[in-house]
N, C-alpha and C. Protein backbone atom coordinates (compact mmCIF):
# COMPACT_ATOMS: atom_id res chain seq x y z
N UNK A 1 -1.72 -14.05 -14.09
CA UNK A 1 -2.18 -12.97 -14.94
C UNK A 1 -2.93 -11.95 -14.08
N UNK A 2 -2.59 -10.68 -14.24
CA UNK A 2 -3.25 -9.64 -13.48
C UNK A 2 -4.57 -9.26 -14.12
N UNK A 3 -5.54 -8.98 -13.27
CA UNK A 3 -6.83 -8.52 -13.76
C UNK A 3 -6.91 -7.01 -13.61
N UNK A 4 -7.95 -6.42 -14.16
CA UNK A 4 -8.14 -4.97 -14.02
C UNK A 4 -8.28 -4.61 -12.55
N UNK A 5 -8.93 -5.46 -11.76
CA UNK A 5 -9.10 -5.22 -10.32
C UNK A 5 -7.75 -5.19 -9.62
N UNK A 6 -6.82 -6.08 -10.00
CA UNK A 6 -5.50 -6.11 -9.40
C UNK A 6 -4.78 -4.77 -9.58
N UNK A 7 -4.98 -4.14 -10.72
CA UNK A 7 -4.32 -2.88 -11.02
C UNK A 7 -4.91 -1.71 -10.23
N UNK A 8 -6.09 -1.87 -9.67
CA UNK A 8 -6.71 -0.77 -8.94
C UNK A 8 -6.57 -0.93 -7.43
N UNK A 9 -5.95 -2.02 -6.98
CA UNK A 9 -5.74 -2.26 -5.55
C UNK A 9 -4.29 -1.95 -5.20
N UNK A 10 -4.11 -1.16 -4.17
CA UNK A 10 -2.76 -0.81 -3.73
C UNK A 10 -1.96 -2.07 -3.43
N UNK A 11 -0.74 -2.16 -3.92
CA UNK A 11 0.06 -3.35 -3.67
C UNK A 11 0.42 -3.52 -2.19
N UNK A 12 0.25 -2.49 -1.39
CA UNK A 12 0.54 -2.56 0.04
C UNK A 12 -0.72 -2.76 0.88
N UNK A 13 -1.86 -2.90 0.24
CA UNK A 13 -3.15 -2.99 0.94
C UNK A 13 -3.19 -4.10 1.97
N UNK A 14 -2.69 -5.26 1.67
CA UNK A 14 -2.74 -6.39 2.59
C UNK A 14 -1.45 -6.57 3.37
N UNK A 15 -0.58 -5.59 3.32
CA UNK A 15 0.68 -5.66 4.05
C UNK A 15 0.47 -5.37 5.53
N UNK A 16 1.55 -5.37 6.25
CA UNK A 16 1.45 -5.16 7.69
C UNK A 16 2.07 -3.84 8.13
N UNK A 17 2.13 -2.89 7.23
CA UNK A 17 2.72 -1.60 7.56
C UNK A 17 1.78 -0.79 8.46
N UNK A 18 2.32 -0.26 9.54
CA UNK A 18 1.53 0.54 10.49
C UNK A 18 0.87 1.74 9.85
N UNK A 19 1.56 2.34 8.90
CA UNK A 19 1.03 3.56 8.27
C UNK A 19 -0.29 3.28 7.58
N UNK A 20 -0.43 2.12 7.01
CA UNK A 20 -1.70 1.76 6.37
C UNK A 20 -2.70 1.25 7.41
N UNK A 21 -2.25 0.41 8.29
CA UNK A 21 -3.14 -0.22 9.26
C UNK A 21 -3.89 0.79 10.11
N UNK A 22 -3.25 1.89 10.48
CA UNK A 22 -3.93 2.85 11.34
C UNK A 22 -5.04 3.61 10.62
N UNK A 23 -5.08 3.53 9.31
CA UNK A 23 -6.15 4.18 8.53
C UNK A 23 -7.39 3.32 8.44
N UNK A 24 -7.26 2.01 8.67
CA UNK A 24 -8.37 1.10 8.46
C UNK A 24 -9.33 1.07 9.64
N UNK A 25 -10.43 1.78 9.51
CA UNK A 25 -11.50 1.71 10.49
C UNK A 25 -12.81 2.03 9.78
N UNK A 26 -13.92 1.74 10.43
CA UNK A 26 -15.23 1.91 9.79
C UNK A 26 -15.54 3.35 9.42
N UNK A 27 -15.00 4.29 10.15
CA UNK A 27 -15.28 5.70 9.87
C UNK A 27 -14.58 6.20 8.61
N UNK A 28 -13.62 5.45 8.13
CA UNK A 28 -12.85 5.88 6.96
C UNK A 28 -13.05 4.95 5.76
N UNK A 29 -14.14 4.21 5.74
CA UNK A 29 -14.37 3.25 4.67
C UNK A 29 -14.38 3.90 3.28
N UNK A 30 -15.00 5.05 3.15
CA UNK A 30 -15.04 5.73 1.84
C UNK A 30 -13.62 6.07 1.38
N UNK A 31 -12.78 6.53 2.30
CA UNK A 31 -11.40 6.86 1.96
C UNK A 31 -10.63 5.61 1.55
N UNK A 32 -10.86 4.52 2.25
CA UNK A 32 -10.18 3.26 1.93
C UNK A 32 -10.55 2.82 0.51
N UNK A 33 -11.84 2.86 0.19
CA UNK A 33 -12.26 2.46 -1.15
C UNK A 33 -11.70 3.40 -2.21
N UNK A 34 -11.70 4.69 -1.94
CA UNK A 34 -11.21 5.65 -2.93
C UNK A 34 -9.71 5.55 -3.14
N UNK A 35 -8.96 5.42 -2.06
CA UNK A 35 -7.50 5.43 -2.19
C UNK A 35 -6.91 4.05 -2.29
N UNK A 36 -7.17 3.19 -1.35
CA UNK A 36 -6.53 1.88 -1.30
C UNK A 36 -7.03 0.95 -2.40
N UNK A 37 -8.29 1.13 -2.79
CA UNK A 37 -8.89 0.28 -3.81
C UNK A 37 -9.25 1.07 -5.05
N UNK A 38 -8.53 2.15 -5.27
CA UNK A 38 -8.82 2.98 -6.43
C UNK A 38 -7.61 3.79 -6.83
N UNK A 39 -7.59 5.04 -6.44
CA UNK A 39 -6.52 5.96 -6.82
C UNK A 39 -5.35 5.92 -5.85
N UNK A 40 -4.79 4.73 -5.62
CA UNK A 40 -3.73 4.58 -4.61
C UNK A 40 -2.46 5.33 -4.98
N UNK A 41 -2.24 5.61 -6.24
CA UNK A 41 -1.05 6.34 -6.67
C UNK A 41 -1.00 7.77 -6.14
N UNK A 42 -2.12 8.28 -5.67
CA UNK A 42 -2.19 9.63 -5.13
C UNK A 42 -2.06 9.64 -3.60
N UNK A 43 -1.97 8.49 -2.99
CA UNK A 43 -1.91 8.35 -1.53
C UNK A 43 -0.48 8.65 -1.04
N UNK A 44 -0.36 9.53 -0.06
CA UNK A 44 0.96 9.87 0.46
C UNK A 44 1.64 8.67 1.12
N UNK A 45 0.87 7.80 1.74
CA UNK A 45 1.44 6.60 2.37
C UNK A 45 2.00 5.66 1.31
N UNK A 46 1.28 5.48 0.22
CA UNK A 46 1.76 4.65 -0.89
C UNK A 46 3.08 5.20 -1.41
N UNK A 47 3.15 6.50 -1.60
CA UNK A 47 4.38 7.13 -2.12
C UNK A 47 5.54 6.91 -1.15
N UNK A 48 5.29 7.08 0.15
CA UNK A 48 6.34 6.84 1.15
C UNK A 48 6.81 5.39 1.11
N UNK A 49 5.88 4.46 1.02
CA UNK A 49 6.24 3.04 0.98
C UNK A 49 7.05 2.71 -0.26
N UNK A 50 6.68 3.27 -1.40
CA UNK A 50 7.44 3.05 -2.64
C UNK A 50 8.87 3.55 -2.49
N UNK A 51 9.02 4.74 -1.91
CA UNK A 51 10.35 5.30 -1.70
C UNK A 51 11.15 4.43 -0.74
N UNK A 52 10.52 4.03 0.37
CA UNK A 52 11.19 3.16 1.35
C UNK A 52 11.67 1.87 0.71
N UNK A 53 10.81 1.23 -0.06
CA UNK A 53 11.17 -0.05 -0.66
C UNK A 53 12.19 0.09 -1.78
N UNK A 54 12.15 1.18 -2.51
CA UNK A 54 13.11 1.34 -3.60
C UNK A 54 14.49 1.75 -3.11
N UNK A 55 14.58 2.28 -1.89
CA UNK A 55 15.87 2.73 -1.38
C UNK A 55 16.59 1.66 -0.57
N UNK A 56 15.94 0.52 -0.31
CA UNK A 56 16.59 -0.56 0.44
C UNK A 56 17.45 -1.40 -0.48
N UNK A 57 18.59 -1.85 0.03
CA UNK A 57 19.42 -2.78 -0.75
C UNK A 57 18.67 -4.10 -0.97
N UNK A 58 18.96 -4.78 -2.04
CA UNK A 58 18.29 -6.03 -2.38
C UNK A 58 18.49 -7.09 -1.30
N UNK A 59 19.66 -7.12 -0.66
CA UNK A 59 19.93 -8.14 0.35
C UNK A 59 19.45 -7.76 1.74
N UNK A 60 18.71 -6.67 1.88
CA UNK A 60 18.17 -6.23 3.17
C UNK A 60 17.03 -7.19 3.56
N UNK A 61 17.15 -7.89 4.70
CA UNK A 61 16.12 -8.86 5.09
C UNK A 61 14.76 -8.22 5.31
N UNK A 62 14.68 -6.96 5.67
CA UNK A 62 13.40 -6.29 5.89
C UNK A 62 12.63 -6.20 4.58
N UNK A 63 13.32 -6.01 3.48
CA UNK A 63 12.64 -5.88 2.19
C UNK A 63 12.05 -7.21 1.73
N UNK A 64 12.49 -8.32 2.30
CA UNK A 64 11.96 -9.61 1.92
C UNK A 64 10.85 -10.08 2.84
N UNK A 65 10.65 -9.36 3.95
CA UNK A 65 9.56 -9.71 4.86
C UNK A 65 8.28 -9.15 4.29
N UNK A 66 7.19 -9.77 4.60
CA UNK A 66 5.83 -9.32 4.19
C UNK A 66 5.29 -10.11 3.09
């Protein structure tokens, strides 16, 4: 069962995508909380990842990694 907190955390937050990982540093903590743990639907990286994942075929092994 999903909680309200689950709905506010980006589904890619704990993934291993470089685009997200390079944003994670102490100088950007406020941004991480605002976007990754809040309004992630407005994040350009989130949108790119959604497009990438939705355009892959179901049998693509890359889509099953992570």
